Protein backbone atom coordinates (compact mmCIF):
# COMPACT_ATOMS: atom_id res chain seq x y z
CA UNK A 1 131.43 -79.53 -33.80
CA UNK A 2 132.00 -76.55 -36.08
CA UNK A 3 134.22 -73.69 -35.09
CA UNK A 4 132.38 -70.46 -34.29
CA UNK A 5 132.49 -67.82 -36.94
CA UNK A 6 134.79 -64.93 -36.24
CA UNK A 7 133.30 -61.58 -37.15
CA UNK A 8 135.61 -58.67 -37.53
CA UNK A 9 134.70 -55.35 -35.97
CA UNK A 10 133.49 -52.75 -38.43
CA UNK A 11 136.07 -50.23 -39.46
CA UNK A 12 135.66 -46.58 -38.48
CA UNK A 13 135.01 -45.72 -42.13
CA UNK A 14 132.20 -48.28 -42.24
CA UNK A 15 130.77 -46.77 -39.07
CA UNK A 16 130.97 -43.38 -40.64
CA UNK A 17 128.94 -44.43 -43.67
CA UNK A 18 126.51 -46.38 -41.50
CA UNK A 19 125.91 -43.33 -39.33
CA UNK A 20 125.69 -41.04 -42.31
CA UNK A 21 123.11 -43.04 -44.21
CA UNK A 22 120.09 -42.16 -42.00
CA UNK A 23 120.87 -38.48 -42.54
CA UNK A 24 121.37 -38.70 -46.27
CA UNK A 25 119.61 -36.40 -48.70
CA UNK A 26 117.59 -39.40 -49.93
CA UNK A 27 116.05 -39.94 -46.49
CA UNK A 28 115.28 -36.23 -46.14
CA UNK A 29 113.56 -36.17 -49.55
CA UNK A 30 111.64 -39.30 -48.58
CA UNK A 31 110.35 -37.50 -45.51
CA UNK A 32 109.50 -34.47 -47.62
CA UNK A 33 107.04 -36.50 -49.68
CA UNK A 34 104.93 -36.96 -46.55
CA UNK A 35 104.50 -33.19 -46.24
CA UNK A 36 101.86 -32.03 -48.77
CA UNK A 37 102.44 -28.32 -48.13
CA UNK A 38 106.14 -28.82 -48.71
CA UNK A 39 105.48 -30.60 -51.98
CA UNK A 40 103.13 -27.79 -53.00
CA UNK A 41 105.81 -25.25 -52.12
CA UNK A 42 108.40 -27.13 -54.16
CA UNK A 43 106.10 -27.34 -57.18
CA UNK A 44 105.21 -23.66 -56.88
CA UNK A 45 108.91 -22.78 -56.73
CA UNK A 46 109.57 -24.83 -59.86
CA UNK A 47 106.76 -23.00 -61.66
CA UNK A 48 108.20 -19.62 -60.65
CA UNK A 49 111.68 -20.65 -61.82
CA UNK A 50 110.27 -21.89 -65.13
CA UNK A 51 108.27 -18.67 -65.52
CA UNK A 52 111.33 -16.47 -64.96
CA UNK A 53 113.92 -18.40 -66.95
CA UNK A 54 111.88 -20.17 -69.63
CA UNK A 55 109.15 -17.57 -70.07
CA UNK A 56 111.29 -15.15 -72.14
CA UNK A 57 111.68 -17.90 -74.75
CA UNK A 58 107.93 -17.80 -75.37
CA UNK A 59 107.35 -14.10 -74.71
CA UNK A 60 110.46 -12.16 -75.81
CA UNK A 61 110.41 -8.44 -74.99
CA UNK A 62 112.70 -5.42 -75.16
CA UNK A 63 113.74 -4.52 -71.61
CA UNK A 64 116.44 -2.02 -72.58
CA UNK A 65 114.98 0.71 -74.82
CA UNK A 66 112.49 3.14 -73.31
CA UNK A 67 109.23 3.54 -75.28
CA UNK A 68 107.31 6.51 -73.86
CA UNK A 69 104.72 6.34 -76.65
CA UNK A 70 103.50 3.04 -75.18
CA UNK A 71 103.88 3.96 -71.52
CA UNK A 72 101.36 2.79 -68.89
CA UNK A 73 99.20 0.88 -71.35
CA UNK A 74 96.56 -1.43 -69.79
CA UNK A 75 96.67 -5.17 -70.46
CA UNK A 76 95.81 -5.95 -74.04
CA UNK A 77 96.99 -7.49 -77.28
CA UNK A 78 100.78 -7.80 -77.33
CA UNK A 79 101.07 -6.85 -73.67
CA UNK A 80 99.18 -9.39 -71.50
CA UNK A 81 99.95 -7.39 -68.34
CA UNK A 82 100.25 -3.96 -69.92
CA UNK A 83 103.30 -1.69 -69.86
CA UNK A 84 104.95 0.39 -67.14
CA UNK A 85 105.78 4.08 -67.02
CA UNK A 86 108.77 3.65 -69.33
CA UNK A 87 106.94 1.55 -71.89
CA UNK A 88 108.45 -1.76 -70.83
CA UNK A 89 106.26 -4.84 -71.10
CA UNK A 90 105.24 -5.71 -67.53
CA UNK A 91 105.16 -9.47 -68.11
CA UNK A 92 108.66 -9.43 -69.57
CA UNK A 93 109.78 -7.14 -66.74
CA UNK A 94 108.49 -9.64 -64.20
CA UNK A 95 110.52 -12.40 -65.84
CA UNK A 96 113.77 -10.42 -66.01
CA UNK A 97 113.28 -9.07 -62.48
CA UNK A 98 112.61 -12.57 -61.20
CA UNK A 99 115.81 -13.87 -62.77
CA UNK A 100 117.84 -11.20 -61.00
CA UNK A 101 116.08 -11.65 -57.64
CA UNK A 102 116.43 -15.44 -57.67
CA UNK A 103 120.07 -15.33 -58.76
CA UNK A 104 120.96 -12.86 -56.02
CA UNK A 105 119.02 -14.89 -53.47
CA UNK A 106 120.70 -18.17 -54.40
CA UNK A 107 124.20 -16.70 -54.64
CA UNK A 108 123.83 -14.86 -51.32
CA UNK A 109 122.50 -18.02 -49.66
CA UNK A 110 125.35 -20.19 -50.97
CA UNK A 111 127.95 -17.59 -49.94
CA UNK A 112 126.46 -17.20 -46.46
CA UNK A 113 126.01 -20.92 -45.92
CA UNK A 114 129.57 -21.72 -47.01
CA UNK A 115 131.10 -19.23 -44.58
CA UNK A 116 128.68 -20.08 -41.78
CA UNK A 117 129.12 -23.84 -42.18
CA UNK A 118 132.91 -23.72 -41.97
CA UNK A 119 132.90 -21.16 -39.16
CA UNK A 120 130.31 -23.03 -37.10
CA UNK A 121 131.99 -26.40 -37.65
CA UNK A 122 135.37 -25.07 -36.54
CA UNK A 123 133.86 -23.42 -33.46
CA UNK A 124 131.84 -26.49 -32.48
CA UNK A 125 134.75 -28.90 -32.89
CA UNK A 126 137.27 -26.66 -31.12
CA UNK A 127 135.10 -25.99 -28.09
CA UNK A 128 136.33 -24.24 -24.97
CA UNK A 129 137.78 -20.75 -25.16
CA UNK A 130 138.01 -20.78 -28.97
CA UNK A 131 134.33 -21.65 -29.30
CA UNK A 132 133.35 -19.00 -26.77
CA UNK A 133 135.38 -16.28 -28.52
CA UNK A 134 134.06 -17.18 -31.98
CA UNK A 135 130.45 -17.20 -30.82
CA UNK A 136 130.81 -13.88 -28.98
CA UNK A 137 132.08 -12.41 -32.23
CA UNK A 138 128.93 -13.71 -33.92
CA UNK A 139 126.79 -12.12 -31.18
CA UNK A 140 128.49 -8.75 -31.71
CA UNK A 141 127.89 -8.87 -35.47
CA UNK A 142 124.26 -9.90 -34.95
CA UNK A 143 123.74 -6.73 -32.92
CA UNK A 144 124.53 -4.59 -36.00
CA UNK A 145 121.32 -3.50 -37.82
CA UNK A 146 121.60 -5.54 -40.99
CA UNK A 147 119.29 -3.60 -43.31
CA UNK A 148 120.61 -0.24 -42.12
CA UNK A 149 124.19 -1.26 -42.87
CA UNK A 150 123.26 -2.64 -46.29
CA UNK A 151 121.46 0.63 -47.11
CA UNK A 152 124.62 2.59 -46.29
CA UNK A 153 126.74 0.36 -48.51
CA UNK A 154 124.21 0.51 -51.35
CA UNK A 155 124.11 4.30 -51.18
CA UNK A 156 127.88 4.63 -51.01
CA UNK A 157 128.87 2.15 -53.70
CA UNK A 158 127.41 1.17 -57.07
CA UNK A 159 125.23 -1.90 -56.58
CA UNK A 160 125.24 -4.74 -59.06
CA UNK A 161 123.98 -8.29 -58.74
CA UNK A 162 127.32 -9.75 -57.60
CA UNK A 163 128.20 -7.08 -55.06
CA UNK A 164 124.67 -7.11 -53.63
CA UNK A 165 124.83 -10.89 -53.27
CA UNK A 166 128.17 -10.68 -51.43
CA UNK A 167 126.94 -7.94 -49.11
CA UNK A 168 123.75 -9.82 -48.22
CA UNK A 169 125.64 -13.10 -47.80
CA UNK A 170 128.33 -11.35 -45.76
CA UNK A 171 125.78 -10.60 -43.05
CA UNK A 172 123.56 -13.67 -43.39
CA UNK A 173 126.19 -16.29 -42.50
CA UNK A 174 125.84 -15.59 -38.77
CA UNK A 175 122.64 -17.62 -38.43
CA UNK A 176 124.18 -20.47 -40.42
CA UNK A 177 127.19 -20.49 -38.12
CA UNK A 178 125.01 -20.86 -35.04
CA UNK A 179 122.94 -23.67 -36.54
CA UNK A 180 125.92 -25.67 -37.76
CA UNK A 181 127.81 -25.13 -34.53
CA UNK A 182 124.87 -26.55 -32.54
CA UNK A 183 124.72 -29.57 -34.85
CA UNK A 184 128.48 -30.15 -34.56
CA UNK A 185 128.29 -30.04 -30.76
CA UNK A 186 126.01 -33.09 -30.89
CA UNK A 187 128.02 -34.86 -33.60
CA UNK A 188 131.50 -34.49 -32.14
CA UNK A 189 130.72 -36.95 -29.31
CA UNK A 190 129.40 -39.63 -31.67
CA UNK A 191 131.32 -42.88 -32.02
CA UNK A 192 132.42 -42.41 -35.62
CA UNK A 193 133.93 -38.99 -34.86
CA UNK A 194 135.76 -40.32 -31.82
CA UNK A 195 137.02 -43.26 -33.86
CA UNK A 196 138.32 -40.90 -36.54
CA UNK A 197 140.19 -38.91 -33.89
CA UNK A 198 141.74 -42.08 -32.45
CA UNK A 199 142.95 -43.04 -35.90
CA UNK A 200 144.75 -39.71 -36.17
CA UNK A 201 142.38 -37.82 -38.46
CA UNK A 202 143.19 -34.12 -38.61
CA UNK A 203 140.63 -31.50 -37.67
CA UNK A 204 140.28 -30.50 -41.29
CA UNK A 205 139.53 -34.09 -42.34
CA UNK A 206 137.15 -34.53 -39.41
CA UNK A 207 135.20 -31.42 -40.39
CA UNK A 208 135.07 -32.09 -44.14
CA UNK A 209 134.57 -35.86 -44.03
CA UNK A 210 132.56 -36.53 -40.88
CA UNK A 211 130.89 -33.40 -39.46
CA UNK A 212 129.69 -31.34 -42.43
CA UNK A 213 128.25 -34.32 -44.39
CA UNK A 214 126.27 -35.40 -41.34
CA UNK A 215 124.97 -31.85 -40.84
CA UNK A 216 123.87 -31.61 -44.47
CA UNK A 217 120.17 -31.77 -43.65
CA UNK A 218 120.37 -28.70 -41.42
CA UNK A 219 122.49 -26.92 -44.04
CA UNK A 220 119.98 -27.56 -46.84
CA UNK A 221 117.10 -26.27 -44.71
CA UNK A 222 119.09 -23.16 -43.87
CA UNK A 223 119.90 -22.49 -47.54
CA UNK A 224 116.20 -22.53 -48.39
CA UNK A 225 115.40 -19.99 -45.68
CA UNK A 226 118.40 -17.90 -46.70
CA UNK A 227 117.16 -17.64 -50.29
CA UNK A 228 113.75 -16.43 -49.10
CA UNK A 229 115.35 -13.84 -46.81
CA UNK A 230 117.66 -12.62 -49.57
CA UNK A 231 114.75 -12.21 -52.02
CA UNK A 232 112.95 -10.08 -49.43
CA UNK A 233 116.07 -7.97 -48.77
CA UNK A 234 116.58 -7.35 -52.49
CA UNK A 235 112.92 -6.35 -52.83
CA UNK A 236 113.20 -4.01 -49.83
CA UNK A 237 116.34 -2.34 -51.17
CA UNK A 238 114.79 -1.92 -54.60
CA UNK A 239 111.59 -0.51 -53.14
CA UNK A 240 113.58 2.06 -51.12
CA UNK A 241 115.57 3.07 -54.19
CA UNK A 242 118.90 1.52 -53.13
CA UNK A 243 118.77 -1.56 -55.32
CA UNK A 244 120.02 -2.29 -58.80
CA UNK A 245 120.29 0.44 -61.41
CA UNK A 246 119.01 0.67 -64.99
CA UNK A 247 118.87 -1.37 -67.17
CA UNK A 248 118.86 -4.16 -64.56
CA UNK A 249 115.52 -4.42 -62.78
CA UNK A 250 114.37 -6.33 -59.73
CA UNK A 251 110.95 -6.88 -58.25
CA UNK A 252 111.44 -4.26 -55.53
CA UNK A 253 112.20 -1.43 -57.95
CA UNK A 254 109.26 -2.50 -60.12
CA UNK A 255 106.95 -2.34 -57.11
CA UNK A 256 108.31 1.10 -56.17
CA UNK A 257 107.63 2.38 -59.69
CA UNK A 258 104.11 0.95 -59.64
CA UNK A 259 103.24 2.60 -56.31
CA UNK A 260 103.62 6.02 -57.92
CA UNK A 261 100.62 5.15 -60.12
CA UNK A 262 98.45 3.83 -57.28
CA UNK A 263 96.17 6.88 -57.37
CA UNK A 264 95.55 6.27 -61.09
CA UNK A 265 94.44 2.71 -60.33
CA UNK A 266 97.07 1.11 -62.57
CA UNK A 267 96.68 -2.22 -60.85
CA UNK A 268 98.84 -4.11 -63.36
CA UNK A 269 101.89 -2.22 -62.11
CA UNK A 270 101.39 -3.29 -58.48
CA UNK A 271 99.56 -6.56 -57.99
CA UNK A 272 101.48 -8.84 -60.41
CA UNK A 273 104.94 -7.96 -59.04
CA UNK A 274 103.66 -7.98 -55.47
CA UNK A 275 102.15 -11.41 -56.09
CA UNK A 276 105.46 -12.70 -57.48
CA UNK A 277 107.31 -11.62 -54.33
CA UNK A 278 104.69 -13.11 -52.01
CA UNK A 279 104.41 -16.41 -53.91
CA UNK A 280 108.18 -16.87 -54.16
CA UNK A 281 108.78 -16.28 -50.45
CA UNK A 282 105.76 -18.42 -49.57
CA UNK A 283 107.00 -21.31 -51.73
CA UNK A 284 110.48 -21.15 -50.22
CA UNK A 285 109.13 -21.03 -46.67
CA UNK A 286 106.75 -23.94 -47.23
CA UNK A 287 109.58 -25.99 -48.71
CA UNK A 288 111.96 -25.04 -45.90
CA UNK A 289 109.40 -25.90 -43.20
CA UNK A 290 108.85 -29.31 -44.78
CA UNK A 291 112.58 -29.96 -45.03
CA UNK A 292 113.02 -28.94 -41.41
CA UNK A 293 110.30 -31.34 -40.32
CA UNK A 294 111.89 -34.12 -42.40
CA UNK A 295 115.29 -33.49 -40.83
CA UNK A 296 113.71 -33.36 -37.37
CA UNK A 297 111.94 -36.72 -37.86
CA UNK A 298 115.19 -38.25 -39.07
CA UNK A 299 117.09 -36.91 -36.04
CA UNK A 300 114.49 -38.35 -33.64
CA UNK A 301 114.98 -41.90 -34.93
């Protein structure tokens, strides 16, 4: 008669990795492939990024020196989308403006998500009075009109790409904090988190090693939405005249300049830049919706 095999209990670290695996980025991307609109949004976003960052290599233009002799030319040879009121090539302007808008959107989203993730994780893990105080602070800040406050700052101080990204991200982290805090509230009672606490893991280690990695799906979805929101905010500020200053251009300021020629039917100054804004936000929203559905299916397992 053979002796029964003795199986050792899995270590807390093994449980951590076992619990983390279903929520890995690989599983989320696998679920994304089942969402055709999400795939279409991702491909469209890649095309827009390639257009903005690789397009100038194939269609170099001068976006610094004003050329009034060639101002407001219709589409033709040398200028596939014509020129604007300052003589700048519209196609090249779309590329440079897209680079600025996407960079600001991504930087603002990363800044907001970083602050919101840490803030929400600390609040969710602490619980009790600390959690209540931190969330009431978020509620107070959410009551401040975001766009109105950004307009005041843009009018008072000189706006550049970095400062605009920090200002937008400084108000956008509130939503991230709420989302991550809700996710942490469900994770902190899981077995691998309780095991880590019993083994003496500090709160910092618990947050960085166990909570944030397991909330990564929600964080990625939020980043995608944040980029879309930031692109819209930059376009709104530029359209209202509170955006970036010459020689830096963004899609909002281009659209504002084109509207002044609407009575002259200079369509190439309005529709192309408006289409870029709409398609970029649409692509980001389609991708974010698909990622959210993938994360939701994974959480229901």
